[in-house]
């Protein structure tokens, strides 16, 4: 099986699902610490920005290999689930909370040519509390790495860098003092 996967990477045109989102130690520390303390929240609807092509939400191509979200085939839903599992692991997810986080996927790109690879992810996060907007901000995160010539090395490396951006973007949100104030206990 591993030989078949390696052959498909060498030949190109493979489908590569991302790993399901899982909580991270870094984001757990941000959720459990910091000031002000974060209260219980609900994670609401996440969508693709209406100004973007639907293809932005469906997959990214890395050297002819398509990386896709395992969450409803949507990167917006993958971002939602990434935030949801982080909050759940910290005991802060509450479907009955009056603080609701929603999001809009604004950008999702990855490039892995020989030399330098780069990827970017951006989203607008909105926090409403009792129906009133308390936070509304677009956040962006980027990554760059040495991208080798050999596809069997470069493709999984680029996919891993891209996938990590989701956890990193959630971490950027958790670090934002205005966000923390909007969801404070």
C-alpha atoms as a PDB file:
ATOM      1  CA  UNK A   1       0.000   0.000   0.000  1.00  0.00           C
ATOM      2  CA  UNK A   2       2.816   2.413   0.878  1.00  0.00           C
ATOM      3  CA  UNK A   3       4.445   1.655  -2.469  1.00  0.00           C
ATOM      4  CA  UNK A   4       1.184   2.478  -4.256  1.00  0.00           C
ATOM      5  CA  UNK A   5       0.905   5.802  -2.374  1.00  0.00           C
ATOM      6  CA  UNK A   6       4.521   6.683  -3.191  1.00  0.00           C
ATOM      7  CA  UNK A   7       3.963   5.811  -6.861  1.00  0.00           C
ATOM      8  CA  UNK A   8       0.874   8.022  -7.014  1.00  0.00           C
ATOM      9  CA  UNK A   9       2.840  10.914  -5.509  1.00  0.00           C
ATOM     10  CA  UNK A  10       5.577  10.464  -8.086  1.00  0.00           C
ATOM     11  CA  UNK A  11       3.065  10.298 -10.922  1.00  0.00           C
ATOM     12  CA  UNK A  12       0.909  13.139  -9.595  1.00  0.00           C
ATOM     13  CA  UNK A  13      -2.877  13.499  -9.704  1.00  0.00           C
ATOM     14  CA  UNK A  14      -3.550  11.963  -6.292  1.00  0.00           C
ATOM     15  CA  UNK A  15      -6.267  12.929  -3.814  1.00  0.00           C
ATOM     16  CA  UNK A  16      -4.879  13.758  -0.388  1.00  0.00           C
ATOM     17  CA  UNK A  17      -7.389  14.215   2.433  1.00  0.00           C
ATOM     18  CA  UNK A  18      -6.197  16.304   5.353  1.00  0.00           C
ATOM     19  CA  UNK A  19      -6.080  14.731   8.807  1.00  0.00           C
ATOM     20  CA  UNK A  20      -9.129  15.341  11.002  1.00  0.00           C
ATOM     21  CA  UNK A  21      -8.606  18.386  13.265  1.00  0.00           C
ATOM     22  CA  UNK A  22      -7.265  17.598  16.707  1.00  0.00           C
ATOM     23  CA  UNK A  23      -6.475  19.802  19.711  1.00  0.00           C
ATOM     24  CA  UNK A  24      -2.954  21.099  20.209  1.00  0.00           C
ATOM     25  CA  UNK A  25      -0.947  21.694  23.342  1.00  0.00           C
ATOM     26  CA  UNK A  26      -0.176  25.266  22.256  1.00  0.00           C
ATOM     27  CA  UNK A  27      -3.803  26.246  21.756  1.00  0.00           C
ATOM     28  CA  UNK A  28      -4.915  24.396  24.892  1.00  0.00           C
ATOM     29  CA  UNK A  29      -2.449  26.500  26.895  1.00  0.00           C
ATOM     30  CA  UNK A  30      -3.846  29.680  25.314  1.00  0.00           C
ATOM     31  CA  UNK A  31      -7.405  28.625  26.120  1.00  0.00           C
ATOM     32  CA  UNK A  32      -6.676  27.652  29.706  1.00  0.00           C
ATOM     33  CA  UNK A  33      -4.376  30.566  30.476  1.00  0.00           C
ATOM     34  CA  UNK A  34      -4.098  34.192  29.573  1.00  0.00           C
ATOM     35  CA  UNK A  35      -5.969  37.238  30.658  1.00  0.00           C
ATOM     36  CA  UNK A  36      -8.843  37.784  30.530  1.00  0.00           C
ATOM     37  CA  UNK A  37      -9.942  34.169  30.935  1.00  0.00           C
ATOM     38  CA  UNK A  38     -12.024  32.828  28.067  1.00  0.00           C
ATOM     39  CA  UNK A  39     -15.579  31.792  28.936  1.00  0.00           C
ATOM     40  CA  UNK A  40     -17.772  29.158  27.348  1.00  0.00           C
ATOM     41  CA  UNK A  41     -18.691  29.783  23.715  1.00  0.00           C
ATOM     42  CA  UNK A  42     -20.702  28.251  20.919  1.00  0.00           C
ATOM     43  CA  UNK A  43     -19.216  27.793  17.456  1.00  0.00           C
ATOM     44  CA  UNK A  44     -21.734  28.904  14.859  1.00  0.00           C
ATOM     45  CA  UNK A  45     -21.790  28.917  11.085  1.00  0.00           C
ATOM     46  CA  UNK A  46     -18.584  29.093   8.990  1.00  0.00           C
ATOM     47  CA  UNK A  47     -18.839  29.861   5.278  1.00  0.00           C
ATOM     48  CA  UNK A  48     -16.765  30.787   2.251  1.00  0.00           C
ATOM     49  CA  UNK A  49     -16.590  34.501   1.446  1.00  0.00           C
ATOM     50  CA  UNK A  50     -19.192  35.158  -1.264  1.00  0.00           C
ATOM     51  CA  UNK A  51     -16.603  37.148  -3.257  1.00  0.00           C
ATOM     52  CA  UNK A  52     -14.473  33.989  -3.663  1.00  0.00           C
ATOM     53  CA  UNK A  53     -14.819  31.154  -6.140  1.00  0.00           C
ATOM     54  CA  UNK A  54     -16.401  28.013  -4.667  1.00  0.00           C
ATOM     55  CA  UNK A  55     -13.258  26.112  -5.694  1.00  0.00           C
ATOM     56  CA  UNK A  56     -11.306  27.943  -2.958  1.00  0.00           C
ATOM     57  CA  UNK A  57     -13.335  26.014  -0.387  1.00  0.00           C
ATOM     58  CA  UNK A  58     -13.064  22.608  -2.071  1.00  0.00           C
ATOM     59  CA  UNK A  59      -9.372  21.846  -2.546  1.00  0.00           C
ATOM     60  CA  UNK A  60      -5.850  23.113  -3.119  1.00  0.00           C
ATOM     61  CA  UNK A  61      -3.470  21.709  -5.683  1.00  0.00           C
ATOM     62  CA  UNK A  62       0.083  20.775  -4.734  1.00  0.00           C
ATOM     63  CA  UNK A  63       2.049  19.709  -7.798  1.00  0.00           C
ATOM     64  CA  UNK A  64      -1.032  18.169  -9.441  1.00  0.00           C
ATOM     65  CA  UNK A  65      -2.190  16.536  -6.199  1.00  0.00           C
ATOM     66  CA  UNK A  66      -5.465  17.741  -4.666  1.00  0.00           C
ATOM     67  CA  UNK A  67      -5.574  18.304  -0.921  1.00  0.00           C
ATOM     68  CA  UNK A  68      -9.131  18.178   0.396  1.00  0.00           C
ATOM     69  CA  UNK A  69     -10.879  18.691   3.711  1.00  0.00           C
ATOM     70  CA  UNK A  70     -12.305  15.614   5.438  1.00  0.00           C
ATOM     71  CA  UNK A  71     -14.973  17.849   7.023  1.00  0.00           C
ATOM     72  CA  UNK A  72     -17.873  18.093   4.579  1.00  0.00           C
ATOM     73  CA  UNK A  73     -15.332  18.601   1.753  1.00  0.00           C
ATOM     74  CA  UNK A  74     -15.015  22.244   2.852  1.00  0.00           C
ATOM     75  CA  UNK A  75     -12.056  24.232   4.141  1.00  0.00           C
ATOM     76  CA  UNK A  76     -14.459  26.648   5.878  1.00  0.00           C
ATOM     77  CA  UNK A  77     -15.908  23.677   7.771  1.00  0.00           C
ATOM     78  CA  UNK A  78     -12.401  22.379   8.503  1.00  0.00           C
ATOM     79  CA  UNK A  79     -11.576  25.734  10.108  1.00  0.00           C
ATOM     80  CA  UNK A  80     -14.813  25.594  12.117  1.00  0.00           C
ATOM     81  CA  UNK A  81     -14.016  22.069  13.291  1.00  0.00           C
ATOM     82  CA  UNK A  82     -10.439  23.037  14.179  1.00  0.00           C
ATOM     83  CA  UNK A  83     -11.756  25.799  16.458  1.00  0.00           C
ATOM     84  CA  UNK A  84     -14.496  23.542  17.832  1.00  0.00           C
ATOM     85  CA  UNK A  85     -12.141  20.702  18.858  1.00  0.00           C
ATOM     86  CA  UNK A  86      -9.748  23.163  20.522  1.00  0.00           C
ATOM     87  CA  UNK A  87     -12.590  24.688  22.561  1.00  0.00           C
ATOM     88  CA  UNK A  88     -14.036  21.272  23.373  1.00  0.00           C
ATOM     89  CA  UNK A  89     -10.685  19.959  24.638  1.00  0.00           C
ATOM     90  CA  UNK A  90     -10.453  22.919  27.025  1.00  0.00           C
ATOM     91  CA  UNK A  91     -14.026  22.411  28.263  1.00  0.00           C
ATOM     92  CA  UNK A  92     -15.132  25.751  26.780  1.00  0.00           C
ATOM     93  CA  UNK A  93     -17.567  24.567  24.091  1.00  0.00           C
ATOM     94  CA  UNK A  94     -21.182  25.188  25.095  1.00  0.00           C
ATOM     95  CA  UNK A  95     -24.048  25.008  22.592  1.00  0.00           C
ATOM     96  CA  UNK A  96     -26.175  27.118  24.967  1.00  0.00           C
ATOM     97  CA  UNK A  97     -23.693  29.972  25.374  1.00  0.00           C
ATOM     98  CA  UNK A  98     -24.764  33.523  24.526  1.00  0.00           C
ATOM     99  CA  UNK A  99     -21.272  34.063  22.987  1.00  0.00           C
ATOM    100  CA  UNK A 100     -21.203  32.684  19.436  1.00  0.00           C
ATOM    101  CA  UNK A 101     -18.176  32.593  17.108  1.00  0.00           C
ATOM    102  CA  UNK A 102     -18.840  32.552  13.357  1.00  0.00           C
ATOM    103  CA  UNK A 103     -16.353  32.711  10.519  1.00  0.00           C
ATOM    104  CA  UNK A 104     -15.844  33.421   6.851  1.00  0.00           C
ATOM    105  CA  UNK A 105     -12.992  31.848   4.879  1.00  0.00           C
ATOM    106  CA  UNK A 106     -11.278  34.653   2.929  1.00  0.00           C
ATOM    107  CA  UNK A 107      -8.160  33.019   1.483  1.00  0.00           C
ATOM    108  CA  UNK A 108      -6.655  29.545   1.223  1.00  0.00           C
ATOM    109  CA  UNK A 109      -3.542  29.017  -0.904  1.00  0.00           C
ATOM    110  CA  UNK A 110      -0.513  26.786  -1.120  1.00  0.00           C
ATOM    111  CA  UNK A 111       2.381  26.797  -3.589  1.00  0.00           C
ATOM    112  CA  UNK A 112       5.167  24.221  -3.579  1.00  0.00           C
ATOM    113  CA  UNK A 113       7.504  24.875  -6.497  1.00  0.00           C
ATOM    114  CA  UNK A 114      11.096  23.686  -6.307  1.00  0.00           C
ATOM    115  CA  UNK A 115      12.901  26.086  -3.970  1.00  0.00           C
ATOM    116  CA  UNK A 116      10.597  27.944  -1.594  1.00  0.00           C
ATOM    117  CA  UNK A 117       7.090  26.786  -0.724  1.00  0.00           C
ATOM    118  CA  UNK A 118       4.497  29.105   0.745  1.00  0.00           C
ATOM    119  CA  UNK A 119       0.946  28.903   2.001  1.00  0.00           C
ATOM    120  CA  UNK A 120      -1.589  31.357   3.410  1.00  0.00           C
ATOM    121  CA  UNK A 121      -4.902  31.159   5.207  1.00  0.00           C
ATOM    122  CA  UNK A 122      -7.209  34.042   6.118  1.00  0.00           C
ATOM    123  CA  UNK A 123     -10.624  34.270   7.723  1.00  0.00           C
ATOM    124  CA  UNK A 124     -12.953  36.808   9.278  1.00  0.00           C
ATOM    125  CA  UNK A 125     -14.091  35.872  12.770  1.00  0.00           C
ATOM    126  CA  UNK A 126     -17.143  37.434  14.371  1.00  0.00           C
ATOM    127  CA  UNK A 127     -18.209  37.076  17.999  1.00  0.00           C
ATOM    128  CA  UNK A 128     -21.743  37.946  18.939  1.00  0.00           C
ATOM    129  CA  UNK A 129     -22.944  38.005  22.512  1.00  0.00           C
ATOM    130  CA  UNK A 130     -26.670  38.098  23.149  1.00  0.00           C
ATOM    131  CA  UNK A 131     -27.118  39.125  19.496  1.00  0.00           C
ATOM    132  CA  UNK A 132     -24.675  42.058  19.657  1.00  0.00           C
ATOM    133  CA  UNK A 133     -21.403  42.029  17.687  1.00  0.00           C
ATOM    134  CA  UNK A 134     -18.487  42.170  20.132  1.00  0.00           C
ATOM    135  CA  UNK A 135     -15.645  41.233  17.762  1.00  0.00           C
ATOM    136  CA  UNK A 136     -15.244  41.390  13.986  1.00  0.00           C
ATOM    137  CA  UNK A 137     -11.761  40.977  12.562  1.00  0.00           C
ATOM    138  CA  UNK A 138     -10.019  39.408   9.577  1.00  0.00           C
ATOM    139  CA  UNK A 139      -6.942  37.407  10.547  1.00  0.00           C
ATOM    140  CA  UNK A 140      -4.257  35.927   8.310  1.00  0.00           C
ATOM    141  CA  UNK A 141      -1.417  33.506   8.801  1.00  0.00           C
ATOM    142  CA  UNK A 142       1.314  32.364   6.433  1.00  0.00           C
ATOM    143  CA  UNK A 143       4.049  29.772   6.225  1.00  0.00           C
ATOM    144  CA  UNK A 144       7.127  29.297   4.074  1.00  0.00           C
ATOM    145  CA  UNK A 145       9.547  26.395   3.851  1.00  0.00           C
ATOM    146  CA  UNK A 146      12.278  24.876   1.697  1.00  0.00           C
ATOM    147  CA  UNK A 147      10.501  22.881  -1.001  1.00  0.00           C
ATOM    148  CA  UNK A 148      12.629  20.029  -2.382  1.00  0.00           C
ATOM    149  CA  UNK A 149      12.751  18.903  -5.996  1.00  0.00           C
ATOM    150  CA  UNK A 150      11.550  15.360  -5.265  1.00  0.00           C
ATOM    151  CA  UNK A 151       7.742  15.313  -5.252  1.00  0.00           C
ATOM    152  CA  UNK A 152       7.495  12.343  -2.895  1.00  0.00           C
ATOM    153  CA  UNK A 153       9.106  14.600  -0.239  1.00  0.00           C
ATOM    154  CA  UNK A 154       7.779  17.993  -1.309  1.00  0.00           C
ATOM    155  CA  UNK A 155       4.090  17.131  -1.625  1.00  0.00           C
ATOM    156  CA  UNK A 156       3.472  15.692   1.883  1.00  0.00           C
ATOM    157  CA  UNK A 157       5.648  18.458   3.363  1.00  0.00           C
ATOM    158  CA  UNK A 158       3.564  21.152   1.643  1.00  0.00           C
ATOM    159  CA  UNK A 159       0.317  19.440   2.657  1.00  0.00           C
ATOM    160  CA  UNK A 160       1.512  19.330   6.277  1.00  0.00           C
ATOM    161  CA  UNK A 161       2.508  23.004   6.213  1.00  0.00           C
ATOM    162  CA  UNK A 162      -0.896  23.927   4.779  1.00  0.00           C
ATOM    163  CA  UNK A 163      -2.816  21.827   7.319  1.00  0.00           C
ATOM    164  CA  UNK A 164      -0.860  23.393  10.203  1.00  0.00           C
ATOM    165  CA  UNK A 165      -2.090  26.846   9.138  1.00  0.00           C
ATOM    166  CA  UNK A 166      -5.559  26.019  10.474  1.00  0.00           C
ATOM    167  CA  UNK A 167      -4.219  25.404  13.990  1.00  0.00           C
ATOM    168  CA  UNK A 168      -1.975  28.447  13.652  1.00  0.00           C
ATOM    169  CA  UNK A 169      -4.883  30.697  12.590  1.00  0.00           C
ATOM    170  CA  UNK A 170      -6.956  29.513  15.559  1.00  0.00           C
ATOM    171  CA  UNK A 171      -3.927  30.292  17.759  1.00  0.00           C
ATOM    172  CA  UNK A 172      -3.741  33.795  16.271  1.00  0.00           C
ATOM    173  CA  UNK A 173      -7.416  34.286  17.143  1.00  0.00           C
ATOM    174  CA  UNK A 174      -6.851  33.066  20.712  1.00  0.00           C
ATOM    175  CA  UNK A 175      -3.908  35.482  21.094  1.00  0.00           C
ATOM    176  CA  UNK A 176      -5.935  38.526  19.996  1.00  0.00           C
ATOM    177  CA  UNK A 177      -6.693  40.670  23.106  1.00  0.00           C
ATOM    178  CA  UNK A 178      -9.893  42.006  21.498  1.00  0.00           C
ATOM    179  CA  UNK A 179     -11.139  38.450  20.920  1.00  0.00           C
ATOM    180  CA  UNK A 180     -10.305  37.450  24.485  1.00  0.00           C
ATOM    181  CA  UNK A 181     -12.225  40.480  25.779  1.00  0.00           C
ATOM    182  CA  UNK A 182     -15.230  39.589  23.609  1.00  0.00           C
ATOM    183  CA  UNK A 183     -15.450  36.051  25.002  1.00  0.00           C
ATOM    184  CA  UNK A 184     -14.269  36.745  28.558  1.00  0.00           C
ATOM    185  CA  UNK A 185     -16.055  35.098  31.471  1.00  0.00           C
END
